[in-house]
Amino acid sequence: MCRDMGREQREERGETILVSACLLGEKCKYSGESNYCQSVVDYLKITGAEIIPVCPEVLGGLRTPRTPAEIRDERVVTKDGRDVTEEYVRGAEETLQIAREKNCRRAVLKERSPSCGSGFIYDGTFSKKLIPGDGITVRLLKKAGICVYGENSLPKKAEP
């Protein structure tokens, strides 16, 4: 379970939060668009934290736009059948390195993504069916003790 720090602790520690760049409006989604999310922006303003935007797919060497990908049998495969697991792993490792360098304890990442999905991801059939699971980056971040939220699973109340 993730615990939110009080304001005094955030100010004292200079809290930083990793955030999926697409949720902040950066056009790095596979389609070349963004997943801008006003509720995430509003939440982040309340936290007073420094925001560290990341796109693990781009950090892993994938371009935008790109063919959609999903996790199938522990591999990340594009809709046209290419295995891009290596790029996703590289992007996850780069993201974790940034989190460590910036001392991030929390992340707000794009739900359902094969990289950033937390709790549920697509099943690998490109049919929009969700299954329990985490994306490649989320697995690595959680293993490192970083608390991960999706855009629809933010804490009910951010500390003022």
N, C-alpha and C. Protein backbone atom coordinates (compact mmCIF):
# COMPACT_ATOMS: atom_id res chain seq x y z
N MET A 1 0.85 -1.19 0.00
CA MET A 1 0.00 0.00 0.00
C MET A 1 0.89 1.25 0.00
N CYS A 2 0.45 2.25 -0.71
CA CYS A 2 1.22 3.50 -0.81
C CYS A 2 0.73 4.49 0.24
N ARG A 3 1.68 5.19 0.82
CA ARG A 3 1.33 6.23 1.78
C ARG A 3 1.74 7.57 1.21
N ASP A 4 0.86 8.57 1.35
CA ASP A 4 1.17 9.92 0.89
C ASP A 4 1.87 10.67 2.02
N MET A 5 2.89 11.44 1.68
CA MET A 5 3.59 12.24 2.67
C MET A 5 2.81 13.52 2.96
N GLY A 6 2.95 14.02 4.15
CA GLY A 6 2.37 15.32 4.49
C GLY A 6 3.15 16.44 3.83
N ARG A 7 2.55 17.60 3.77
CA ARG A 7 3.18 18.75 3.09
C ARG A 7 4.55 19.09 3.66
N GLU A 8 4.67 19.07 4.99
CA GLU A 8 5.94 19.43 5.60
C GLU A 8 7.04 18.49 5.13
N GLN A 9 6.74 17.19 5.06
CA GLN A 9 7.73 16.22 4.60
C GLN A 9 8.11 16.48 3.15
N ARG A 10 7.13 16.81 2.31
CA ARG A 10 7.41 17.07 0.89
C ARG A 10 8.32 18.27 0.74
N GLU A 11 8.00 19.35 1.45
CA GLU A 11 8.81 20.56 1.33
C GLU A 11 10.22 20.31 1.86
N GLU A 12 10.30 19.59 2.95
CA GLU A 12 11.59 19.31 3.56
C GLU A 12 12.45 18.45 2.64
N ARG A 13 11.86 17.49 2.00
CA ARG A 13 12.60 16.56 1.18
C ARG A 13 12.66 17.01 -0.28
N GLY A 14 11.90 18.04 -0.66
CA GLY A 14 11.85 18.45 -2.05
C GLY A 14 11.31 17.33 -2.92
N GLU A 15 10.14 16.81 -2.56
CA GLU A 15 9.57 15.64 -3.24
C GLU A 15 9.49 15.83 -4.76
N THR A 16 9.78 14.77 -5.44
CA THR A 16 9.62 14.73 -6.89
C THR A 16 8.73 13.54 -7.23
N ILE A 17 7.90 13.71 -8.26
CA ILE A 17 7.00 12.65 -8.69
C ILE A 17 7.22 12.41 -10.18
N LEU A 18 7.45 11.14 -10.54
CA LEU A 18 7.50 10.76 -11.95
C LEU A 18 6.08 10.80 -12.51
N VAL A 19 5.94 11.31 -13.73
CA VAL A 19 4.61 11.38 -14.35
C VAL A 19 4.73 11.01 -15.82
N SER A 20 3.81 10.19 -16.29
CA SER A 20 3.78 9.89 -17.73
C SER A 20 3.61 11.20 -18.48
N ALA A 21 4.55 11.47 -19.37
CA ALA A 21 4.55 12.73 -20.12
C ALA A 21 3.26 12.91 -20.92
N CYS A 22 2.69 11.81 -21.40
CA CYS A 22 1.45 11.92 -22.19
C CYS A 22 0.30 12.46 -21.36
N LEU A 23 0.29 12.17 -20.05
CA LEU A 23 -0.78 12.68 -19.17
C LEU A 23 -0.66 14.19 -18.97
N LEU A 24 0.53 14.73 -19.22
CA LEU A 24 0.76 16.17 -19.08
C LEU A 24 0.59 16.91 -20.40
N GLY A 25 0.23 16.17 -21.45
CA GLY A 25 -0.04 16.80 -22.74
C GLY A 25 1.02 16.61 -23.80
N GLU A 26 2.13 15.94 -23.45
CA GLU A 26 3.16 15.70 -24.46
C GLU A 26 2.66 14.66 -25.45
N LYS A 27 2.88 14.92 -26.72
CA LYS A 27 2.39 14.04 -27.78
C LYS A 27 3.37 12.89 -28.01
N CYS A 28 3.40 11.97 -27.04
CA CYS A 28 4.30 10.82 -27.12
C CYS A 28 3.53 9.49 -27.09
N LYS A 29 2.20 9.56 -27.09
CA LYS A 29 1.37 8.36 -27.17
C LYS A 29 1.67 7.64 -28.49
N TYR A 30 1.43 6.35 -28.54
CA TYR A 30 1.75 5.57 -29.75
C TYR A 30 1.16 6.19 -31.01
N SER A 31 0.01 6.82 -30.90
CA SER A 31 -0.68 7.41 -32.06
C SER A 31 -0.12 8.77 -32.46
N GLY A 32 0.78 9.31 -31.66
CA GLY A 32 1.31 10.65 -31.90
C GLY A 32 0.51 11.72 -31.18
N GLU A 33 -0.47 11.32 -30.41
CA GLU A 33 -1.28 12.24 -29.63
C GLU A 33 -0.84 12.20 -28.17
N SER A 34 -1.59 12.89 -27.32
CA SER A 34 -1.32 12.84 -25.89
C SER A 34 -2.50 12.18 -25.19
N ASN A 35 -2.36 11.95 -23.92
CA ASN A 35 -3.45 11.46 -23.05
C ASN A 35 -3.69 12.51 -21.97
N TYR A 36 -3.65 13.79 -22.35
CA TYR A 36 -3.75 14.86 -21.37
C TYR A 36 -4.88 14.58 -20.38
N CYS A 37 -4.59 14.76 -19.10
CA CYS A 37 -5.55 14.47 -18.05
C CYS A 37 -5.57 15.61 -17.04
N GLN A 38 -6.61 16.41 -17.10
CA GLN A 38 -6.73 17.57 -16.22
C GLN A 38 -6.73 17.19 -14.75
N SER A 39 -7.34 16.07 -14.40
CA SER A 39 -7.37 15.67 -12.99
C SER A 39 -5.97 15.35 -12.47
N VAL A 40 -5.11 14.82 -13.31
CA VAL A 40 -3.71 14.57 -12.91
C VAL A 40 -3.00 15.89 -12.70
N VAL A 41 -3.17 16.82 -13.63
CA VAL A 41 -2.54 18.14 -13.51
C VAL A 41 -3.00 18.83 -12.23
N ASP A 42 -4.30 18.78 -11.96
CA ASP A 42 -4.84 19.40 -10.75
C ASP A 42 -4.27 18.74 -9.50
N TYR A 43 -4.22 17.42 -9.50
CA TYR A 43 -3.67 16.69 -8.35
C TYR A 43 -2.21 17.08 -8.10
N LEU A 44 -1.43 17.13 -9.17
CA LEU A 44 -0.01 17.46 -9.03
C LEU A 44 0.20 18.87 -8.50
N LYS A 45 -0.66 19.79 -8.89
CA LYS A 45 -0.55 21.16 -8.36
C LYS A 45 -0.76 21.17 -6.85
N ILE A 46 -1.70 20.37 -6.38
CA ILE A 46 -1.99 20.31 -4.95
C ILE A 46 -0.81 19.74 -4.17
N THR A 47 -0.10 18.78 -4.76
CA THR A 47 1.01 18.15 -4.02
C THR A 47 2.17 19.09 -3.80
N GLY A 48 2.35 20.06 -4.70
CA GLY A 48 3.49 20.96 -4.59
C GLY A 48 4.82 20.32 -4.93
N ALA A 49 4.77 19.12 -5.48
CA ALA A 49 6.00 18.38 -5.80
C ALA A 49 6.59 18.85 -7.12
N GLU A 50 7.88 18.57 -7.30
CA GLU A 50 8.52 18.77 -8.60
C GLU A 50 8.08 17.61 -9.49
N ILE A 51 7.70 17.93 -10.71
CA ILE A 51 7.20 16.93 -11.65
C ILE A 51 8.33 16.52 -12.60
N ILE A 52 8.50 15.21 -12.76
CA ILE A 52 9.51 14.67 -13.66
C ILE A 52 8.77 13.90 -14.76
N PRO A 53 8.55 14.53 -15.93
CA PRO A 53 7.84 13.83 -17.01
C PRO A 53 8.73 12.76 -17.65
N VAL A 54 8.14 11.59 -17.92
CA VAL A 54 8.87 10.50 -18.57
C VAL A 54 7.96 9.80 -19.57
N CYS A 55 8.56 9.26 -20.60
CA CYS A 55 7.88 8.34 -21.50
C CYS A 55 8.82 7.15 -21.68
N PRO A 56 8.58 6.06 -20.97
CA PRO A 56 9.48 4.92 -21.06
C PRO A 56 9.65 4.37 -22.48
N GLU A 57 8.60 4.42 -23.28
CA GLU A 57 8.71 3.92 -24.65
C GLU A 57 9.73 4.74 -25.45
N VAL A 58 9.64 6.04 -25.33
CA VAL A 58 10.58 6.93 -26.03
C VAL A 58 11.98 6.76 -25.44
N LEU A 59 12.07 6.68 -24.12
CA LEU A 59 13.37 6.47 -23.48
C LEU A 59 14.01 5.15 -23.92
N GLY A 60 13.19 4.18 -24.28
CA GLY A 60 13.68 2.89 -24.74
C GLY A 60 14.07 2.86 -26.20
N GLY A 61 13.85 3.99 -26.90
CA GLY A 61 14.27 4.08 -28.29
C GLY A 61 13.16 3.96 -29.32
N LEU A 62 11.91 3.88 -28.87
CA LEU A 62 10.81 3.81 -29.83
C LEU A 62 10.42 5.21 -30.27
N ARG A 63 9.97 5.32 -31.50
CA ARG A 63 9.61 6.64 -32.02
C ARG A 63 8.11 6.88 -31.86
N THR A 64 7.73 8.10 -32.10
CA THR A 64 6.33 8.50 -32.05
C THR A 64 5.98 9.13 -33.39
N PRO A 65 4.91 8.70 -34.05
CA PRO A 65 4.02 7.60 -33.65
C PRO A 65 4.69 6.25 -33.85
N ARG A 66 4.06 5.23 -33.26
CA ARG A 66 4.56 3.86 -33.36
C ARG A 66 3.38 2.90 -33.38
N THR A 67 3.63 1.69 -33.79
CA THR A 67 2.58 0.67 -33.82
C THR A 67 2.20 0.31 -32.38
N PRO A 68 0.90 0.19 -32.09
CA PRO A 68 0.49 -0.19 -30.73
C PRO A 68 1.12 -1.52 -30.32
N ALA A 69 1.36 -1.66 -29.02
CA ALA A 69 1.95 -2.88 -28.48
C ALA A 69 1.20 -3.31 -27.23
N GLU A 70 1.23 -4.61 -26.97
CA GLU A 70 0.64 -5.18 -25.76
C GLU A 70 1.54 -6.30 -25.26
N ILE A 71 1.37 -6.65 -23.99
CA ILE A 71 2.14 -7.74 -23.41
C ILE A 71 1.42 -9.06 -23.71
N ARG A 72 2.18 -9.99 -24.26
CA ARG A 72 1.66 -11.33 -24.57
C ARG A 72 2.71 -12.34 -24.14
N ASP A 73 2.36 -13.21 -23.22
CA ASP A 73 3.29 -14.24 -22.74
C ASP A 73 4.63 -13.64 -22.30
N GLU A 74 4.54 -12.57 -21.51
CA GLU A 74 5.72 -11.89 -20.94
C GLU A 74 6.62 -11.22 -21.98
N ARG A 75 6.17 -11.10 -23.20
CA ARG A 75 6.89 -10.37 -24.25
C ARG A 75 6.01 -9.19 -24.65
N VAL A 76 6.62 -8.11 -25.09
CA VAL A 76 5.86 -6.97 -25.61
C VAL A 76 5.91 -7.07 -27.13
N VAL A 77 4.71 -7.17 -27.72
CA VAL A 77 4.60 -7.42 -29.15
C VAL A 77 3.70 -6.36 -29.78
N THR A 78 4.10 -5.84 -30.94
CA THR A 78 3.29 -4.85 -31.63
C THR A 78 2.13 -5.54 -32.35
N LYS A 79 1.16 -4.74 -32.73
CA LYS A 79 -0.01 -5.27 -33.41
C LYS A 79 0.37 -6.00 -34.70
N ASP A 80 1.47 -5.60 -35.33
CA ASP A 80 1.91 -6.27 -36.56
C ASP A 80 2.91 -7.40 -36.28
N GLY A 81 3.08 -7.78 -35.00
CA GLY A 81 3.85 -8.96 -34.66
C GLY A 81 5.31 -8.79 -34.30
N ARG A 82 5.83 -7.55 -34.28
CA ARG A 82 7.23 -7.33 -33.92
C ARG A 82 7.42 -7.41 -32.41
N ASP A 83 8.48 -8.05 -31.97
CA ASP A 83 8.82 -8.13 -30.55
C ASP A 83 9.62 -6.89 -30.17
N VAL A 84 9.08 -6.07 -29.29
CA VAL A 84 9.74 -4.84 -28.84
C VAL A 84 10.05 -4.89 -27.35
N THR A 85 10.15 -6.10 -26.82
CA THR A 85 10.42 -6.28 -25.40
C THR A 85 11.70 -5.56 -24.99
N GLU A 86 12.74 -5.69 -25.80
CA GLU A 86 14.02 -5.08 -25.46
C GLU A 86 13.89 -3.57 -25.28
N GLU A 87 13.15 -2.91 -26.15
CA GLU A 87 12.96 -1.46 -26.05
C GLU A 87 12.17 -1.10 -24.79
N TYR A 88 11.17 -1.91 -24.46
CA TYR A 88 10.38 -1.64 -23.26
C TYR A 88 11.20 -1.84 -21.99
N VAL A 89 12.02 -2.87 -21.97
CA VAL A 89 12.89 -3.11 -20.82
C VAL A 89 13.91 -1.97 -20.69
N ARG A 90 14.50 -1.56 -21.81
CA ARG A 90 15.47 -0.45 -21.78
C ARG A 90 14.79 0.82 -21.26
N GLY A 91 13.60 1.10 -21.73
CA GLY A 91 12.87 2.29 -21.27
C GLY A 91 12.53 2.22 -19.80
N ALA A 92 12.18 1.03 -19.32
CA ALA A 92 11.88 0.84 -17.89
C ALA A 92 13.13 1.10 -17.06
N GLU A 93 14.26 0.57 -17.52
CA GLU A 93 15.52 0.78 -16.80
C GLU A 93 15.92 2.24 -16.79
N GLU A 94 15.75 2.92 -17.89
CA GLU A 94 16.05 4.37 -17.95
C GLU A 94 15.14 5.15 -17.01
N THR A 95 13.87 4.77 -16.99
CA THR A 95 12.90 5.44 -16.11
C THR A 95 13.28 5.23 -14.65
N LEU A 96 13.65 4.01 -14.29
CA LEU A 96 14.07 3.74 -12.91
C LEU A 96 15.32 4.55 -12.57
N GLN A 97 16.24 4.65 -13.50
CA GLN A 97 17.46 5.43 -13.25
C GLN A 97 17.10 6.90 -12.97
N ILE A 98 16.20 7.45 -13.76
CA ILE A 98 15.75 8.83 -13.53
C ILE A 98 15.09 8.95 -12.16
N ALA A 99 14.24 7.98 -11.81
CA ALA A 99 13.57 8.00 -10.51
C ALA A 99 14.59 8.01 -9.37
N ARG A 100 15.63 7.21 -9.52
CA ARG A 100 16.67 7.16 -8.48
C ARG A 100 17.45 8.47 -8.42
N GLU A 101 17.83 8.99 -9.59
CA GLU A 101 18.59 10.24 -9.62
C GLU A 101 17.80 11.39 -9.01
N LYS A 102 16.49 11.41 -9.23
CA LYS A 102 15.64 12.49 -8.74
C LYS A 102 14.99 12.18 -7.40
N ASN A 103 15.31 11.01 -6.83
CA ASN A 103 14.78 10.59 -5.54
C ASN A 103 13.24 10.55 -5.53
N CYS A 104 12.66 10.03 -6.58
CA CYS A 104 11.20 9.90 -6.67
C CYS A 104 10.72 8.73 -5.82
N ARG A 105 9.72 8.98 -5.04
CA ARG A 105 9.10 7.93 -4.22
C ARG A 105 7.73 7.55 -4.77
N ARG A 106 7.20 8.40 -5.66
CA ARG A 106 5.87 8.15 -6.23
C ARG A 106 5.90 8.40 -7.73
N ALA A 107 4.93 7.77 -8.42
CA ALA A 107 4.78 7.96 -9.86
C ALA A 107 3.30 7.96 -10.20
N VAL A 108 2.93 8.78 -11.17
CA VAL A 108 1.58 8.79 -11.72
C VAL A 108 1.74 8.44 -13.19
N LEU A 109 1.28 7.24 -13.55
CA LEU A 109 1.53 6.72 -14.89
C LEU A 109 0.24 6.32 -15.60
N LYS A 110 0.33 6.25 -16.92
CA LYS A 110 -0.82 5.97 -17.79
C LYS A 110 -1.33 4.55 -17.60
N GLU A 111 -2.58 4.46 -17.22
CA GLU A 111 -3.21 3.15 -17.01
C GLU A 111 -3.31 2.34 -18.30
N ARG A 112 -3.29 1.03 -18.15
CA ARG A 112 -3.51 0.04 -19.20
C ARG A 112 -2.36 -0.09 -20.19
N SER A 113 -1.36 0.75 -20.11
CA SER A 113 -0.21 0.73 -21.02
C SER A 113 0.66 -0.50 -20.76
N PRO A 114 1.27 -1.07 -21.83
CA PRO A 114 2.19 -2.19 -21.60
C PRO A 114 3.47 -1.77 -20.87
N SER A 115 3.69 -0.49 -20.77
CA SER A 115 4.82 0.03 -20.02
C SER A 115 4.37 0.56 -18.66
N CYS A 116 3.37 1.43 -18.67
CA CYS A 116 2.99 2.20 -17.49
C CYS A 116 1.73 1.72 -16.77
N GLY A 117 1.06 0.72 -17.32
CA GLY A 117 -0.18 0.23 -16.71
C GLY A 117 0.07 -0.35 -15.33
N SER A 118 -0.83 -0.04 -14.40
CA SER A 118 -0.71 -0.51 -13.02
C SER A 118 -2.03 -1.14 -12.59
N GLY A 119 -2.00 -2.42 -12.31
CA GLY A 119 -3.22 -3.11 -11.87
C GLY A 119 -3.91 -3.87 -12.99
N PHE A 120 -4.05 -3.23 -14.14
CA PHE A 120 -4.68 -3.86 -15.30
C PHE A 120 -3.96 -3.42 -16.57
N ILE A 121 -3.78 -4.37 -17.46
CA ILE A 121 -3.19 -4.10 -18.77
C ILE A 121 -4.02 -4.85 -19.81
N TYR A 122 -3.83 -4.50 -21.08
CA TYR A 122 -4.51 -5.23 -22.14
C TYR A 122 -3.92 -6.62 -22.27
N ASP A 123 -4.73 -7.57 -22.73
CA ASP A 123 -4.39 -9.00 -22.68
C ASP A 123 -3.47 -9.51 -23.79
N GLY A 124 -3.07 -8.66 -24.72
CA GLY A 124 -2.16 -9.09 -25.77
C GLY A 124 -2.84 -9.51 -27.06
N THR A 125 -4.17 -9.40 -27.10
CA THR A 125 -4.92 -9.80 -28.30
C THR A 125 -5.37 -8.60 -29.12
N PHE A 126 -5.12 -7.40 -28.64
CA PHE A 126 -5.54 -6.15 -29.29
C PHE A 126 -7.06 -6.09 -29.45
N SER A 127 -7.76 -6.67 -28.47
CA SER A 127 -9.23 -6.68 -28.47
C SER A 127 -9.80 -5.75 -27.41
N LYS A 128 -8.94 -4.98 -26.74
CA LYS A 128 -9.29 -4.06 -25.66
C LYS A 128 -9.75 -4.78 -24.39
N LYS A 129 -9.47 -6.09 -24.29
CA LYS A 129 -9.79 -6.84 -23.09
C LYS A 129 -8.71 -6.62 -22.05
N LEU A 130 -9.12 -6.26 -20.83
CA LEU A 130 -8.18 -6.01 -19.73
C LEU A 130 -8.01 -7.26 -18.87
N ILE A 131 -6.79 -7.42 -18.38
CA ILE A 131 -6.48 -8.49 -17.45
C ILE A 131 -5.67 -7.90 -16.29
N PRO A 132 -5.68 -8.56 -15.13
CA PRO A 132 -4.85 -8.08 -14.02
C PRO A 132 -3.38 -8.14 -14.41
N GLY A 133 -2.64 -7.11 -14.07
CA GLY A 133 -1.21 -7.11 -14.34
C GLY A 133 -0.65 -5.70 -14.37
N ASP A 134 0.66 -5.62 -14.44
CA ASP A 134 1.37 -4.35 -14.50
C ASP A 134 2.23 -4.30 -15.76
N GLY A 135 2.46 -3.09 -16.25
CA GLY A 135 3.35 -2.90 -17.38
C GLY A 135 4.81 -3.09 -16.96
N ILE A 136 5.68 -3.14 -17.95
CA ILE A 136 7.10 -3.42 -17.74
C ILE A 136 7.75 -2.39 -16.81
N THR A 137 7.50 -1.12 -17.04
CA THR A 137 8.09 -0.07 -16.19
C THR A 137 7.53 -0.13 -14.78
N VAL A 138 6.24 -0.32 -14.66
CA VAL A 138 5.61 -0.36 -13.34
C VAL A 138 6.17 -1.51 -12.51
N ARG A 139 6.38 -2.65 -13.12
CA ARG A 139 6.96 -3.79 -12.39
C ARG A 139 8.30 -3.41 -11.78
N LEU A 140 9.12 -2.76 -12.57
CA LEU A 140 10.46 -2.37 -12.11
C LEU A 140 10.39 -1.30 -11.02
N LEU A 141 9.52 -0.31 -11.22
CA LEU A 141 9.39 0.75 -10.21
C LEU A 141 8.86 0.20 -8.88
N LYS A 142 7.85 -0.65 -8.95
CA LYS A 142 7.31 -1.22 -7.71
C LYS A 142 8.35 -2.07 -7.00
N LYS A 143 9.11 -2.84 -7.75
CA LYS A 143 10.16 -3.67 -7.16
C LYS A 143 11.18 -2.80 -6.43
N ALA A 144 11.39 -1.58 -6.94
CA ALA A 144 12.33 -0.64 -6.31
C ALA A 144 11.69 0.16 -5.17
N GLY A 145 10.42 -0.13 -4.86
CA GLY A 145 9.76 0.52 -3.73
C GLY A 145 9.07 1.83 -4.06
N ILE A 146 8.89 2.12 -5.34
CA ILE A 146 8.22 3.36 -5.74
C ILE A 146 6.72 3.10 -5.82
N CYS A 147 5.95 3.98 -5.22
CA CYS A 147 4.49 3.87 -5.20
C CYS A 147 3.95 4.37 -6.54
N VAL A 148 3.17 3.54 -7.22
CA VAL A 148 2.66 3.89 -8.54
C VAL A 148 1.15 4.05 -8.51
N TYR A 149 0.67 5.15 -9.07
CA TYR A 149 -0.75 5.42 -9.25
C TYR A 149 -1.05 5.56 -10.73
N GLY A 150 -2.27 5.21 -11.11
CA GLY A 150 -2.76 5.51 -12.45
C GLY A 150 -3.57 6.78 -12.40
N GLU A 151 -3.93 7.31 -13.56
CA GLU A 151 -4.67 8.58 -13.58
C GLU A 151 -6.04 8.49 -12.93
N ASN A 152 -6.61 7.28 -12.83
CA ASN A 152 -7.90 7.11 -12.18
C ASN A 152 -7.79 6.49 -10.79
N SER A 153 -6.58 6.34 -10.29
CA SER A 153 -6.40 5.74 -8.96
C SER A 153 -5.56 6.63 -8.05
N LEU A 154 -5.62 7.93 -8.28
CA LEU A 154 -4.90 8.87 -7.41
C LEU A 154 -5.49 8.82 -6.02
N PRO A 155 -4.71 9.11 -5.00
CA PRO A 155 -5.28 9.15 -3.64
C PRO A 155 -6.48 10.09 -3.63
N LYS A 156 -7.47 9.73 -2.85
CA LYS A 156 -8.71 10.52 -2.81
C LYS A 156 -8.46 11.98 -2.47
N LYS A 157 -7.47 12.20 -1.63
CA LYS A 157 -7.20 13.57 -1.19
C LYS A 157 -5.70 13.78 -1.11
N ALA A 158 -5.23 14.71 -1.85
CA ALA A 158 -3.81 15.07 -1.73
C ALA A 158 -3.66 15.98 -0.53
N GLU A 159 -2.60 15.82 0.19
CA GLU A 159 -2.35 16.70 1.34
C GLU A 159 -2.20 18.12 0.84
N PRO A 160 -2.81 19.09 1.52
CA PRO A 160 -2.68 20.49 1.08
C PRO A 160 -1.27 21.01 1.24
